[in-house]
PDB file of all heavy atoms in Angstrom:
ATOM      1  N   LEU A   1       2.873   9.037  -5.727  1.00  0.00           N
ATOM      2  CA  LEU A   1       4.056   9.824  -5.362  1.00  0.00           C
ATOM      3  C   LEU A   1       5.197   9.586  -6.335  1.00  0.00           C
ATOM      4  O   LEU A   1       5.937  10.514  -6.676  1.00  0.00           O
ATOM      5  CB  LEU A   1       4.489   9.448  -3.939  1.00  0.00           C
ATOM      6  CG  LEU A   1       5.716  10.178  -3.379  1.00  0.00           C
ATOM      7  CD1 LEU A   1       5.474  11.681  -3.333  1.00  0.00           C
ATOM      8  CD2 LEU A   1       6.051   9.648  -1.990  1.00  0.00           C
ATOM      9  N   PHE A   2       5.333   8.356  -6.813  1.00  0.00           N
ATOM     10  CA  PHE A   2       6.378   8.007  -7.781  1.00  0.00           C
ATOM     11  C   PHE A   2       6.268   8.897  -9.020  1.00  0.00           C
ATOM     12  O   PHE A   2       7.248   9.507  -9.461  1.00  0.00           O
ATOM     13  CB  PHE A   2       6.237   6.532  -8.160  1.00  0.00           C
ATOM     14  CG  PHE A   2       7.353   5.988  -9.012  1.00  0.00           C
ATOM     15  CD1 PHE A   2       8.419   5.313  -8.444  1.00  0.00           C
ATOM     16  CD2 PHE A   2       7.325   6.140 -10.392  1.00  0.00           C
ATOM     17  CE1 PHE A   2       9.441   4.803  -9.231  1.00  0.00           C
ATOM     18  CE2 PHE A   2       8.341   5.637 -11.184  1.00  0.00           C
ATOM     19  CZ  PHE A   2       9.398   4.963 -10.610  1.00  0.00           C
ATOM     20  N   PHE A   3       5.045   8.992  -9.570  1.00  0.00           N
ATOM     21  CA  PHE A   3       4.863   9.786 -10.792  1.00  0.00           C
ATOM     22  C   PHE A   3       4.850  11.285 -10.500  1.00  0.00           C
ATOM     23  O   PHE A   3       5.161  12.088 -11.380  1.00  0.00           O
ATOM     24  CB  PHE A   3       3.593   9.342 -11.512  1.00  0.00           C
ATOM     25  CG  PHE A   3       3.727   7.994 -12.151  1.00  0.00           C
ATOM     26  CD1 PHE A   3       3.125   6.874 -11.593  1.00  0.00           C
ATOM     27  CD2 PHE A   3       4.480   7.820 -13.291  1.00  0.00           C
ATOM     28  CE1 PHE A   3       3.269   5.627 -12.163  1.00  0.00           C
ATOM     29  CE2 PHE A   3       4.635   6.577 -13.880  1.00  0.00           C
ATOM     30  CZ  PHE A   3       4.024   5.471 -13.313  1.00  0.00           C
ATOM     31  N   LEU A   4       4.481  11.658  -9.288  1.00  0.00           N
ATOM     32  CA  LEU A   4       4.555  13.066  -8.906  1.00  0.00           C
ATOM     33  C   LEU A   4       6.011  13.516  -8.814  1.00  0.00           C
ATOM     34  O   LEU A   4       6.351  14.631  -9.225  1.00  0.00           O
ATOM     35  CB  LEU A   4       3.844  13.289  -7.569  1.00  0.00           C
ATOM     36  CG  LEU A   4       3.614  14.746  -7.149  1.00  0.00           C
ATOM     37  CD1 LEU A   4       2.743  15.474  -8.180  1.00  0.00           C
ATOM     38  CD2 LEU A   4       2.951  14.808  -5.783  1.00  0.00           C
ATOM     39  N   LEU A   5       6.873  12.664  -8.315  1.00  0.00           N
ATOM     40  CA  LEU A   5       8.311  12.973  -8.265  1.00  0.00           C
ATOM     41  C   LEU A   5       8.872  13.116  -9.675  1.00  0.00           C
ATOM     42  O   LEU A   5       9.717  13.976  -9.929  1.00  0.00           O
ATOM     43  CB  LEU A   5       9.056  11.868  -7.517  1.00  0.00           C
ATOM     44  CG  LEU A   5       8.873  11.834  -5.994  1.00  0.00           C
ATOM     45  CD1 LEU A   5       9.450  10.542  -5.416  1.00  0.00           C
ATOM     46  CD2 LEU A   5       9.547  13.043  -5.348  1.00  0.00           C
ATOM     47  N   MET A   6       8.398  12.277 -10.592  1.00  0.00           N
ATOM     48  CA  MET A   6       8.859  12.375 -11.978  1.00  0.00           C
ATOM     49  C   MET A   6       8.459  13.687 -12.615  1.00  0.00           C
ATOM     50  O   MET A   6       9.130  14.171 -13.534  1.00  0.00           O
ATOM     51  CB  MET A   6       8.287  11.223 -12.811  1.00  0.00           C
ATOM     52  CG  MET A   6       8.978   9.890 -12.623  1.00  0.00           C
ATOM     53  SD  MET A   6       8.378   8.677 -13.840  1.00  0.00           S
ATOM     54  CE  MET A   6       9.018   9.390 -15.375  1.00  0.00           C
ATOM     55  N   ALA A   7       7.372  14.298 -12.117  1.00  0.00           N
ATOM     56  CA  ALA A   7       6.890  15.564 -12.688  1.00  0.00           C
ATOM     57  C   ALA A   7       7.808  16.722 -12.326  1.00  0.00           C
ATOM     58  O   ALA A   7       7.780  17.762 -12.994  1.00  0.00           O
ATOM     59  CB  ALA A   7       5.471  15.847 -12.202  1.00  0.00           C
ATOM     60  N   ARG A   8       8.621  16.551 -11.284  1.00  0.00           N
ATOM     61  CA  ARG A   8       9.513  17.626 -10.838  1.00  0.00           C
ATOM     62  C   ARG A   8      10.926  17.077 -10.704  1.00  0.00           C
ATOM     63  O   ARG A   8      11.473  16.951  -9.594  1.00  0.00           O
ATOM     64  CB  ARG A   8       9.024  18.185  -9.493  1.00  0.00           C
ATOM     65  CG  ARG A   8       7.631  18.788  -9.560  1.00  0.00           C
ATOM     66  CD  ARG A   8       7.153  19.198  -8.168  1.00  0.00           C
ATOM     67  NE  ARG A   8       5.890  19.921  -8.223  1.00  0.00           N
ATOM     68  CZ  ARG A   8       4.698  19.346  -8.250  1.00  0.00           C
ATOM     69  NH1 ARG A   8       4.616  18.032  -8.229  1.00  0.00           N
ATOM     70  NH2 ARG A   8       3.594  20.065  -8.297  1.00  0.00           N
ATOM     71  N   PRO A   9      11.549  16.744 -11.836  1.00  0.00           N
ATOM     72  CA  PRO A   9      12.876  16.121 -11.758  1.00  0.00           C
ATOM     73  C   PRO A   9      13.942  17.071 -11.207  1.00  0.00           C
ATOM     74  O   PRO A   9      14.085  18.201 -11.660  1.00  0.00           O
ATOM     75  CB  PRO A   9      13.168  15.746 -13.213  1.00  0.00           C
ATOM     76  CG  PRO A   9      12.297  16.639 -14.036  1.00  0.00           C
ATOM     77  CD  PRO A   9      11.079  16.911 -13.214  1.00  0.00           C
ATOM     78  N   GLN A  10      14.638  16.600 -10.188  1.00  0.00           N
ATOM     79  CA  GLN A  10      15.770  17.298  -9.590  1.00  0.00           C
ATOM     80  C   GLN A  10      16.915  16.298  -9.469  1.00  0.00           C
ATOM     81  O   GLN A  10      16.763  15.116  -9.788  1.00  0.00           O
ATOM     82  CB  GLN A  10      15.396  17.853  -8.210  1.00  0.00           C
ATOM     83  CG  GLN A  10      14.204  18.803  -8.199  1.00  0.00           C
ATOM     84  CD  GLN A  10      14.512  20.144  -8.836  1.00  0.00           C
ATOM     85  OE1 GLN A  10      15.664  20.560  -8.899  1.00  0.00           O
ATOM     86  NE2 GLN A  10      13.477  20.819  -9.333  1.00  0.00           N
ATOM     87  N   LYS A  11      18.052  16.760  -8.958  1.00  0.00           N
ATOM     88  CA  LYS A  11      19.197  15.866  -8.819  1.00  0.00           C
ATOM     89  C   LYS A  11      18.895  14.709  -7.868  1.00  0.00           C
ATOM     90  O   LYS A  11      19.408  13.603  -8.042  1.00  0.00           O
ATOM     91  CB  LYS A  11      20.410  16.648  -8.329  1.00  0.00           C
ATOM     92  CG  LYS A  11      20.989  17.602  -9.374  1.00  0.00           C
ATOM     93  CD  LYS A  11      22.229  18.305  -8.851  1.00  0.00           C
ATOM     94  CE  LYS A  11      22.820  19.225  -9.912  1.00  0.00           C
ATOM     95  NZ  LYS A  11      24.019  19.938  -9.422  1.00  0.00           N
ATOM     96  N   TYR A  12      18.074  14.977  -6.860  1.00  0.00           N
ATOM     97  CA  TYR A  12      17.782  13.958  -5.856  1.00  0.00           C
ATOM     98  C   TYR A  12      16.546  13.123  -6.204  1.00  0.00           C
ATOM     99  O   TYR A  12      16.189  12.205  -5.470  1.00  0.00           O
ATOM    100  CB  TYR A  12      17.562  14.621  -4.491  1.00  0.00           C
ATOM    101  CG  TYR A  12      16.522  15.712  -4.503  1.00  0.00           C
ATOM    102  CD1 TYR A  12      15.159  15.413  -4.449  1.00  0.00           C
ATOM    103  CD2 TYR A  12      16.891  17.053  -4.595  1.00  0.00           C
ATOM    104  CE1 TYR A  12      14.195  16.401  -4.482  1.00  0.00           C
ATOM    105  CE2 TYR A  12      15.924  18.057  -4.632  1.00  0.00           C
ATOM    106  CZ  TYR A  12      14.591  17.729  -4.573  1.00  0.00           C
ATOM    107  OH  TYR A  12      13.643  18.713  -4.609  1.00  0.00           O
ATOM    108  N   THR A  13      15.875  13.429  -7.306  1.00  0.00           N
ATOM    109  CA  THR A  13      14.623  12.751  -7.656  1.00  0.00           C
ATOM    110  C   THR A  13      14.799  11.243  -7.745  1.00  0.00           C
ATOM    111  O   THR A  13      13.977  10.474  -7.244  1.00  0.00           O
ATOM    112  CB  THR A  13      14.073  13.292  -8.987  1.00  0.00           C
ATOM    113  OG1 THR A  13      13.729  14.668  -8.833  1.00  0.00           O
ATOM    114  CG2 THR A  13      12.832  12.506  -9.428  1.00  0.00           C
ATOM    115  N   TYR A  14      15.879  10.804  -8.370  1.00  0.00           N
ATOM    116  CA  TYR A  14      16.036   9.371  -8.640  1.00  0.00           C
ATOM    117  C   TYR A  14      16.407   8.594  -7.382  1.00  0.00           C
ATOM    118  O   TYR A  14      16.090   7.407  -7.273  1.00  0.00           O
ATOM    119  CB  TYR A  14      17.044   9.178  -9.770  1.00  0.00           C
ATOM    120  CG  TYR A  14      16.606   9.947 -10.994  1.00  0.00           C
ATOM    121  CD1 TYR A  14      17.241  11.125 -11.375  1.00  0.00           C
ATOM    122  CD2 TYR A  14      15.487   9.535 -11.712  1.00  0.00           C
ATOM    123  CE1 TYR A  14      16.795  11.854 -12.461  1.00  0.00           C
ATOM    124  CE2 TYR A  14      15.031  10.257 -12.805  1.00  0.00           C
ATOM    125  CZ  TYR A  14      15.685  11.422 -13.174  1.00  0.00           C
ATOM    126  OH  TYR A  14      15.237  12.148 -14.239  1.00  0.00           O
ATOM    127  N   LEU A  15      17.051   9.268  -6.433  1.00  0.00           N
ATOM    128  CA  LEU A  15      17.252   8.657  -5.120  1.00  0.00           C
ATOM    129  C   LEU A  15      15.898   8.421  -4.454  1.00  0.00           C
ATOM    130  O   LEU A  15      15.642   7.348  -3.891  1.00  0.00           O
ATOM    131  CB  LEU A  15      18.126   9.558  -4.242  1.00  0.00           C
ATOM    132  CG  LEU A  15      18.321   9.099  -2.792  1.00  0.00           C
ATOM    133  CD1 LEU A  15      19.182   7.846  -2.739  1.00  0.00           C
ATOM    134  CD2 LEU A  15      18.945  10.219  -1.953  1.00  0.00           C
ATOM    135  N   LEU A  16      15.014   9.421  -4.551  1.00  0.00           N
ATOM    136  CA  LEU A  16      13.683   9.304  -3.954  1.00  0.00           C
ATOM    137  C   LEU A  16      12.843   8.241  -4.661  1.00  0.00           C
ATOM    138  O   LEU A  16      12.066   7.540  -4.015  1.00  0.00           O
ATOM    139  CB  LEU A  16      12.965  10.659  -3.999  1.00  0.00           C
ATOM    140  CG  LEU A  16      13.594  11.765  -3.141  1.00  0.00           C
ATOM    141  CD1 LEU A  16      12.839  13.078  -3.330  1.00  0.00           C
ATOM    142  CD2 LEU A  16      13.610  11.368  -1.672  1.00  0.00           C
ATOM    143  N   LEU A  17      13.016   8.114  -5.985  1.00  0.00           N
ATOM    144  CA  LEU A  17      12.285   7.066  -6.704  1.00  0.00           C
ATOM    145  C   LEU A  17      12.689   5.688  -6.184  1.00  0.00           C
ATOM    146  O   LEU A  17      11.853   4.793  -6.043  1.00  0.00           O
ATOM    147  CB  LEU A  17      12.559   7.156  -8.212  1.00  0.00           C
ATOM    148  CG  LEU A  17      11.961   8.347  -8.962  1.00  0.00           C
ATOM    149  CD1 LEU A  17      12.279   8.239 -10.447  1.00  0.00           C
ATOM    150  CD2 LEU A  17      10.465   8.454  -8.758  1.00  0.00           C
ATOM    151  N   GLY A  18      13.978   5.519  -5.907  1.00  0.00           N
ATOM    152  CA  GLY A  18      14.443   4.257  -5.347  1.00  0.00           C
ATOM    153  C   GLY A  18      13.867   4.004  -3.967  1.00  0.00           C
ATOM    154  O   GLY A  18      13.483   2.867  -3.635  1.00  0.00           O
ATOM    155  N   ILE A  19      13.791   5.056  -3.153  1.00  0.00           N
ATOM    156  CA  ILE A  19      13.212   4.931  -1.812  1.00  0.00           C
ATOM    157  C   ILE A  19      11.736   4.533  -1.902  1.00  0.00           C
ATOM    158  O   ILE A  19      11.273   3.647  -1.181  1.00  0.00           O
ATOM    159  CB  ILE A  19      13.377   6.246  -1.030  1.00  0.00           C
ATOM    160  CG1 ILE A  19      14.856   6.450  -0.673  1.00  0.00           C
ATOM    161  CG2 ILE A  19      12.516   6.259   0.228  1.00  0.00           C
ATOM    162  CD1 ILE A  19      15.169   7.784  -0.041  1.00  0.00           C
ATOM    163  N   VAL A  20      10.996   5.192  -2.807  1.00  0.00           N
ATOM    164  CA  VAL A  20       9.576   4.863  -2.985  1.00  0.00           C
ATOM    165  C   VAL A  20       9.416   3.415  -3.451  1.00  0.00           C
ATOM    166  O   VAL A  20       8.543   2.687  -2.962  1.00  0.00           O
ATOM    167  CB  VAL A  20       8.914   5.835  -3.980  1.00  0.00           C
ATOM    168  CG1 VAL A  20       7.507   5.369  -4.347  1.00  0.00           C
ATOM    169  CG2 VAL A  20       8.858   7.236  -3.395  1.00  0.00           C
ATOM    170  N   ALA A  21      10.277   2.989  -4.383  1.00  0.00           N
ATOM    171  CA  ALA A  21      10.222   1.598  -4.857  1.00  0.00           C
ATOM    172  C   ALA A  21      10.481   0.629  -3.702  1.00  0.00           C
ATOM    173  O   ALA A  21       9.857  -0.432  -3.608  1.00  0.00           O
ATOM    174  CB  ALA A  21      11.232   1.375  -5.978  1.00  0.00           C
ATOM    175  N   GLY A  22      11.394   0.999  -2.803  1.00  0.00           N
ATOM    176  CA  GLY A  22      11.667   0.161  -1.635  1.00  0.00           C
ATOM    177  C   GLY A  22      10.461   0.060  -0.724  1.00  0.00           C
ATOM    178  O   GLY A  22      10.119  -1.029  -0.242  1.00  0.00           O
ATOM    179  N   LEU A  23       9.798   1.175  -0.485  1.00  0.00           N
ATOM    180  CA  LEU A  23       8.605   1.174   0.356  1.00  0.00           C
ATOM    181  C   LEU A  23       7.487   0.351  -0.285  1.00  0.00           C
ATOM    182  O   LEU A  23       6.725  -0.338   0.399  1.00  0.00           O
ATOM    183  CB  LEU A  23       8.138   2.609   0.602  1.00  0.00           C
ATOM    184  CG  LEU A  23       9.068   3.477   1.463  1.00  0.00           C
ATOM    185  CD1 LEU A  23       8.616   4.926   1.440  1.00  0.00           C
ATOM    186  CD2 LEU A  23       9.106   2.953   2.896  1.00  0.00           C
ATOM    187  N   MET A  24       7.397   0.426  -1.619  1.00  0.00           N
ATOM    188  CA  MET A  24       6.377  -0.356  -2.320  1.00  0.00           C
ATOM    189  C   MET A  24       6.671  -1.850  -2.211  1.00  0.00           C
ATOM    190  O   MET A  24       5.750  -2.673  -2.161  1.00  0.00           O
ATOM    191  CB  MET A  24       6.286   0.084  -3.778  1.00  0.00           C
ATOM    192  CG  MET A  24       5.823   1.521  -3.933  1.00  0.00           C
ATOM    193  SD  MET A  24       5.667   2.066  -5.645  1.00  0.00           S
ATOM    194  CE  MET A  24       4.028   1.470  -6.035  1.00  0.00           C
ATOM    195  N   THR A  25       7.951  -2.210  -2.160  1.00  0.00           N
ATOM    196  CA  THR A  25       8.316  -3.614  -2.000  1.00  0.00           C
ATOM    197  C   THR A  25       7.921  -4.117  -0.618  1.00  0.00           C
ATOM    198  O   THR A  25       7.533  -5.279  -0.456  1.00  0.00           O
ATOM    199  CB  THR A  25       9.822  -3.810  -2.220  1.00  0.00           C
ATOM    200  OG1 THR A  25      10.195  -3.243  -3.476  1.00  0.00           O
ATOM    201  CG2 THR A  25      10.195  -5.289  -2.230  1.00  0.00           C
ATOM    202  N   PHE A  26       8.009  -3.240   0.397  1.00  0.00           N
ATOM    203  CA  PHE A  26       7.544  -3.618   1.728  1.00  0.00           C
ATOM    204  C   PHE A  26       6.029  -3.823   1.738  1.00  0.00           C
ATOM    205  O   PHE A  26       5.506  -4.654   2.478  1.00  0.00           O
ATOM    206  CB  PHE A  26       7.921  -2.542   2.746  1.00  0.00           C
ATOM    207  CG  PHE A  26       9.172  -2.858   3.521  1.00  0.00           C
ATOM    208  CD1 PHE A  26      10.130  -1.900   3.735  1.00  0.00           C
ATOM    209  CD2 PHE A  26       9.369  -4.131   4.038  1.00  0.00           C
ATOM    210  CE1 PHE A  26      11.286  -2.193   4.448  1.00  0.00           C
ATOM    211  CE2 PHE A  26      10.520  -4.435   4.754  1.00  0.00           C
ATOM    212  CZ  PHE A  26      11.484  -3.464   4.955  1.00  0.00           C
ATOM    213  N   ALA A  27       5.326  -3.058   0.910  1.00  0.00           N
ATOM    214  CA  ALA A  27       3.869  -3.173   0.865  1.00  0.00           C
ATOM    215  C   ALA A  27       3.417  -4.406   0.097  1.00  0.00           C
ATOM    216  O   ALA A  27       2.467  -5.085   0.488  1.00  0.00           O
ATOM    217  CB  ALA A  27       3.257  -1.919   0.232  1.00  0.00           C
ATOM    218  N   ARG A  28       4.100  -4.691  -1.010  1.00  0.00           N
ATOM    219  CA  ARG A  28       3.741  -5.838  -1.856  1.00  0.00           C
ATOM    220  C   ARG A  28       5.022  -6.414  -2.432  1.00  0.00           C
ATOM    221  O   ARG A  28       5.935  -5.666  -2.777  1.00  0.00           O
ATOM    222  CB  ARG A  28       2.835  -5.416  -3.012  1.00  0.00           C
ATOM    223  CG  ARG A  28       1.405  -5.086  -2.653  1.00  0.00           C
ATOM    224  CD  ARG A  28       0.673  -4.516  -3.855  1.00  0.00           C
ATOM    225  NE  ARG A  28       0.675  -5.423  -4.986  1.00  0.00           N
ATOM    226  CZ  ARG A  28      -0.376  -6.182  -5.337  1.00  0.00           C
ATOM    227  NH1 ARG A  28      -1.488  -6.133  -4.636  1.00  0.00           N
ATOM    228  NH2 ARG A  28      -0.309  -6.978  -6.377  1.00  0.00           N
ATOM    229  N   SER A  29       5.065  -7.720  -2.603  1.00  0.00           N
ATOM    230  CA  SER A  29       6.280  -8.343  -3.135  1.00  0.00           C
ATOM    231  C   SER A  29       6.590  -7.876  -4.551  1.00  0.00           C
ATOM    232  O   SER A  29       7.749  -7.796  -4.949  1.00  0.00           O
ATOM    233  CB  SER A  29       6.153  -9.868  -3.097  1.00  0.00           C
ATOM    234  OG  SER A  29       5.029 -10.295  -3.842  1.00  0.00           O
ATOM    235  N   ASP A  30       5.544  -7.550  -5.342  1.00  0.00           N
ATOM    236  CA  ASP A  30       5.816  -7.083  -6.705  1.00  0.00           C
ATOM    237  C   ASP A  30       6.285  -5.630  -6.741  1.00  0.00           C
ATOM    238  O   ASP A  30       6.520  -5.075  -7.808  1.00  0.00           O
ATOM    239  CB  ASP A  30       4.603  -7.281  -7.616  1.00  0.00           C
ATOM    240  CG  ASP A  30       3.357  -6.572  -7.123  1.00  0.00           C
ATOM    241  OD1 ASP A  30       3.459  -5.764  -6.183  1.00  0.00           O
ATOM    242  OD2 ASP A  30       2.272  -6.826  -7.678  1.00  0.00           O
ATOM    243  N   GLY A  31       6.443  -5.019  -5.561  1.00  0.00           N
ATOM    244  CA  GLY A  31       7.024  -3.673  -5.512  1.00  0.00           C
ATOM    245  C   GLY A  31       8.424  -3.641  -6.076  1.00  0.00           C
ATOM    246  O   GLY A  31       8.910  -2.596  -6.524  1.00  0.00           O
ATOM    247  N   LEU A  32       9.097  -4.813  -6.075  1.00  0.00           N
ATOM    248  CA  LEU A  32      10.437  -4.900  -6.665  1.00  0.00           C
ATOM    249  C   LEU A  32      10.435  -4.456  -8.125  1.00  0.00           C
ATOM    250  O   LEU A  32      11.421  -3.891  -8.621  1.00  0.00           O
ATOM    251  CB  LEU A  32      10.940  -6.345  -6.546  1.00  0.00           C
ATOM    252  CG  LEU A  32      12.289  -6.676  -7.184  1.00  0.00           C
ATOM    253  CD1 LEU A  32      13.404  -5.863  -6.547  1.00  0.00           C
ATOM    254  CD2 LEU A  32      12.589  -8.167  -7.056  1.00  0.00           C
ATOM    255  N   LEU A  33       9.313  -4.685  -8.815  1.00  0.00           N
ATOM    256  CA  LEU A  33       9.216  -4.281 -10.224  1.00  0.00           C
ATOM    257  C   LEU A  33       9.382  -2.777 -10.385  1.00  0.00           C
ATOM    258  O   LEU A  33       9.821  -2.295 -11.430  1.00  0.00           O
ATOM    259  CB  LEU A  33       7.866  -4.719 -10.805  1.00  0.00           C
ATOM    260  CG  LEU A  33       7.607  -6.229 -10.882  1.00  0.00           C
ATOM    261  CD1 LEU A  33       6.196  -6.504 -11.353  1.00  0.00           C
ATOM    262  CD2 LEU A  33       8.612  -6.895 -11.800  1.00  0.00           C
ATOM    263  N   TRP A  34       9.014  -2.016  -9.336  1.00  0.00           N
ATOM    264  CA  TRP A  34       9.095  -0.557  -9.437  1.00  0.00           C
ATOM    265  C   TRP A  34      10.529  -0.055  -9.465  1.00  0.00           C
ATOM    266  O   TRP A  34      10.778   1.071  -9.908  1.00  0.00           O
ATOM    267  CB  TRP A  34       8.297   0.099  -8.313  1.00  0.00           C
ATOM    268  CG  TRP A  34       6.834   0.009  -8.583  1.00  0.00           C
ATOM    269  CD1 TRP A  34       6.039  -1.072  -8.418  1.00  0.00           C
ATOM    270  CD2 TRP A  34       5.989   1.047  -9.110  1.00  0.00           C
ATOM    271  NE1 TRP A  34       4.741  -0.769  -8.790  1.00  0.00           N
ATOM    272  CE2 TRP A  34       4.690   0.512  -9.215  1.00  0.00           C
ATOM    273  CE3 TRP A  34       6.211   2.369  -9.468  1.00  0.00           C
ATOM    274  CZ2 TRP A  34       3.615   1.257  -9.686  1.00  0.00           C
ATOM    275  CZ3 TRP A  34       5.139   3.116  -9.935  1.00  0.00           C
ATOM    276  CH2 TRP A  34       3.861   2.559 -10.051  1.00  0.00           C
ATOM    277  N   LEU A  35      11.466  -0.863  -9.007  1.00  0.00           N
ATOM    278  CA  LEU A  35      12.872  -0.494  -9.182  1.00  0.00           C
ATOM    279  C   LEU A  35      13.221  -0.526 -10.666  1.00  0.00           C
ATOM    280  O   LEU A  35      13.932   0.346 -11.167  1.00  0.00           O
ATOM    281  CB  LEU A  35      13.772  -1.460  -8.399  1.00  0.00           C
ATOM    282  CG  LEU A  35      15.270  -1.168  -8.461  1.00  0.00           C
ATOM    283  CD1 LEU A  35      15.584   0.221  -7.922  1.00  0.00           C
ATOM    284  CD2 LEU A  35      16.055  -2.225  -7.687  1.00  0.00           C
ATOM    285  N   GLY A  36      12.678  -1.519 -11.370  1.00  0.00           N
ATOM    286  CA  GLY A  36      12.844  -1.565 -12.825  1.00  0.00           C
ATOM    287  C   GLY A  36      12.133  -0.415 -13.509  1.00  0.00           C
ATOM    288  O   GLY A  36      12.633   0.159 -14.481  1.00  0.00           O
ATOM    289  N   ILE A  37      10.962  -0.041 -12.987  1.00  0.00           N
ATOM    290  CA  ILE A  37      10.221   1.092 -13.551  1.00  0.00           C
ATOM    291  C   ILE A  37      11.009   2.389 -13.343  1.00  0.00           C
ATOM    292  O   ILE A  37      10.980   3.286 -14.197  1.00  0.00           O
ATOM    293  CB  ILE A  37       8.825   1.185 -12.913  1.00  0.00           C
ATOM    294  CG1 ILE A  37       7.998  -0.055 -13.296  1.00  0.00           C
ATOM    295  CG2 ILE A  37       8.088   2.448 -13.360  1.00  0.00           C
ATOM    296  CD1 ILE A  37       6.659  -0.155 -12.605  1.00  0.00           C
ATOM    297  N   ALA A  38      11.753   2.484 -12.245  1.00  0.00           N
ATOM    298  CA  ALA A  38      12.606   3.653 -12.010  1.00  0.00           C
ATOM    299  C   ALA A  38      13.674   3.759 -13.097  1.00  0.00           C
ATOM    300  O   ALA A  38      14.038   4.867 -13.517  1.00  0.00           O
ATOM    301  CB  ALA A  38      13.258   3.562 -10.635  1.00  0.00           C
ATOM    302  N   VAL A  39      14.166   2.615 -13.574  1.00  0.00           N
ATOM    303  CA  VAL A  39      15.147   2.620 -14.670  1.00  0.00           C
ATOM    304  C   VAL A  39      14.512   3.195 -15.933  1.00  0.00           C
ATOM    305  O   VAL A  39      15.105   4.026 -16.628  1.00  0.00           O
ATOM    306  CB  VAL A  39      15.684   1.195 -14.927  1.00  0.00           C
ATOM    307  CG1 VAL A  39      16.587   1.175 -16.160  1.00  0.00           C
ATOM    308  CG2 VAL A  39      16.435   0.677 -13.707  1.00  0.00           C
ATOM    309  N   PHE A  40      13.281   2.775 -16.232  1.00  0.00           N
ATOM    310  CA  PHE A  40      12.568   3.330 -17.387  1.00  0.00           C
ATOM    311  C   PHE A  40      12.365   4.834 -17.219  1.00  0.00           C
ATOM    312  O   PHE A  40      12.478   5.599 -18.185  1.00  0.00           O
ATOM    313  CB  PHE A  40      11.211   2.639 -17.570  1.00  0.00           C
ATOM    314  CG  PHE A  40      11.294   1.288 -18.196  1.00  0.00           C
ATOM    315  CD1 PHE A  40      11.065   0.143 -17.448  1.00  0.00           C
ATOM    316  CD2 PHE A  40      11.606   1.145 -19.538  1.00  0.00           C
ATOM    317  CE1 PHE A  40      11.137  -1.113 -18.018  1.00  0.00           C
ATOM    318  CE2 PHE A  40      11.685  -0.105 -20.132  1.00  0.00           C
ATOM    319  CZ  PHE A  40      11.448  -1.245 -19.356  1.00  0.00           C
ATOM    320  N   ALA A  41      12.053   5.257 -15.997  1.00  0.00           N
ATOM    321  CA  ALA A  41      11.849   6.682 -15.732  1.00  0.00           C
ATOM    322  C   ALA A  41      13.100   7.474 -16.062  1.00  0.00           C
ATOM    323  O   ALA A  41      13.036   8.553 -16.673  1.00  0.00           O
ATOM    324  CB  ALA A  41      11.463   6.886 -14.263  1.00  0.00           C
ATOM    325  N   ILE A  42      14.250   6.950 -15.684  1.00  0.00           N
ATOM    326  CA  ILE A  42      15.520   7.628 -15.959  1.00  0.00           C
ATOM    327  C   ILE A  42      15.777   7.698 -17.458  1.00  0.00           C
ATOM    328  O   ILE A  42      16.146   8.742 -18.002  1.00  0.00           O
ATOM    329  CB  ILE A  42      16.674   6.898 -15.240  1.00  0.00           C
ATOM    330  CG1 ILE A  42      16.522   7.043 -13.721  1.00  0.00           C
ATOM    331  CG2 ILE A  42      18.030   7.432 -15.695  1.00  0.00           C
ATOM    332  CD1 ILE A  42      17.413   6.132 -12.922  1.00  0.00           C
ATOM    333  N   VAL A  43      15.558   6.583 -18.145  1.00  0.00           N
ATOM    334  CA  VAL A  43      15.818   6.529 -19.597  1.00  0.00           C
ATOM    335  C   VAL A  43      14.896   7.471 -20.350  1.00  0.00           C
ATOM    336  O   VAL A  43      15.336   8.214 -21.246  1.00  0.00           O
ATOM    337  CB  VAL A  43      15.641   5.077 -20.103  1.00  0.00           C
ATOM    338  CG1 VAL A  43      15.661   5.038 -21.629  1.00  0.00           C
ATOM    339  CG2 VAL A  43      16.739   4.184 -19.536  1.00  0.00           C
ATOM    340  N   PHE A  44      13.600   7.497 -19.990  1.00  0.00           N
ATOM    341  CA  PHE A  44      12.637   8.316 -20.723  1.00  0.00           C
ATOM    342  C   PHE A  44      12.771   9.804 -20.402  1.00  0.00           C
ATOM    343  O   PHE A  44      12.381  10.650 -21.206  1.00  0.00           O
ATOM    344  CB  PHE A  44      11.208   7.847 -20.449  1.00  0.00           C
ATOM    345  CG  PHE A  44      10.861   6.558 -21.126  1.00  0.00           C
ATOM    346  CD1 PHE A  44      10.238   5.528 -20.427  1.00  0.00           C
ATOM    347  CD2 PHE A  44      11.155   6.356 -22.464  1.00  0.00           C
ATOM    348  CE1 PHE A  44       9.913   4.334 -21.050  1.00  0.00           C
ATOM    349  CE2 PHE A  44      10.837   5.161 -23.094  1.00  0.00           C
ATOM    350  CZ  PHE A  44      10.218   4.146 -22.379  1.00  0.00           C
ATOM    351  N   GLN A  45      13.300  10.133 -19.219  1.00  0.00           N
ATOM    352  CA  GLN A  45      13.471  11.544 -18.885  1.00  0.00           C
ATOM    353  C   GLN A  45      14.783  12.115 -19.424  1.00  0.00           C
ATOM    354  O   GLN A  45      14.995  13.312 -19.387  1.00  0.00           O
ATOM    355  CB  GLN A  45      13.381  11.758 -17.371  1.00  0.00           C
ATOM    356  CG  GLN A  45      11.956  11.634 -16.857  1.00  0.00           C
ATOM    357  CD  GLN A  45      11.755  12.240 -15.487  1.00  0.00           C
ATOM    358  OE1 GLN A  45      12.578  12.095 -14.602  1.00  0.00           O
ATOM    359  NE2 GLN A  45      10.638  12.938 -15.302  1.00  0.00           N
TER     360      GLN A  45
END
C-alpha cells in the first residue's frame, strides 16, 4: 500500500504514508524505519 500510494501522488498522499508507517510500526518494531523511507519518498518524488 505504501508504494501504491506513491504511484498516485496527491496533496494528502504523504499524510497517508505517515499513517501507513505508523501501522507498520505497530506490526513490527522496525516499522519505524518506514517513517524514514517516507522522507526518501518525498525527496525522490
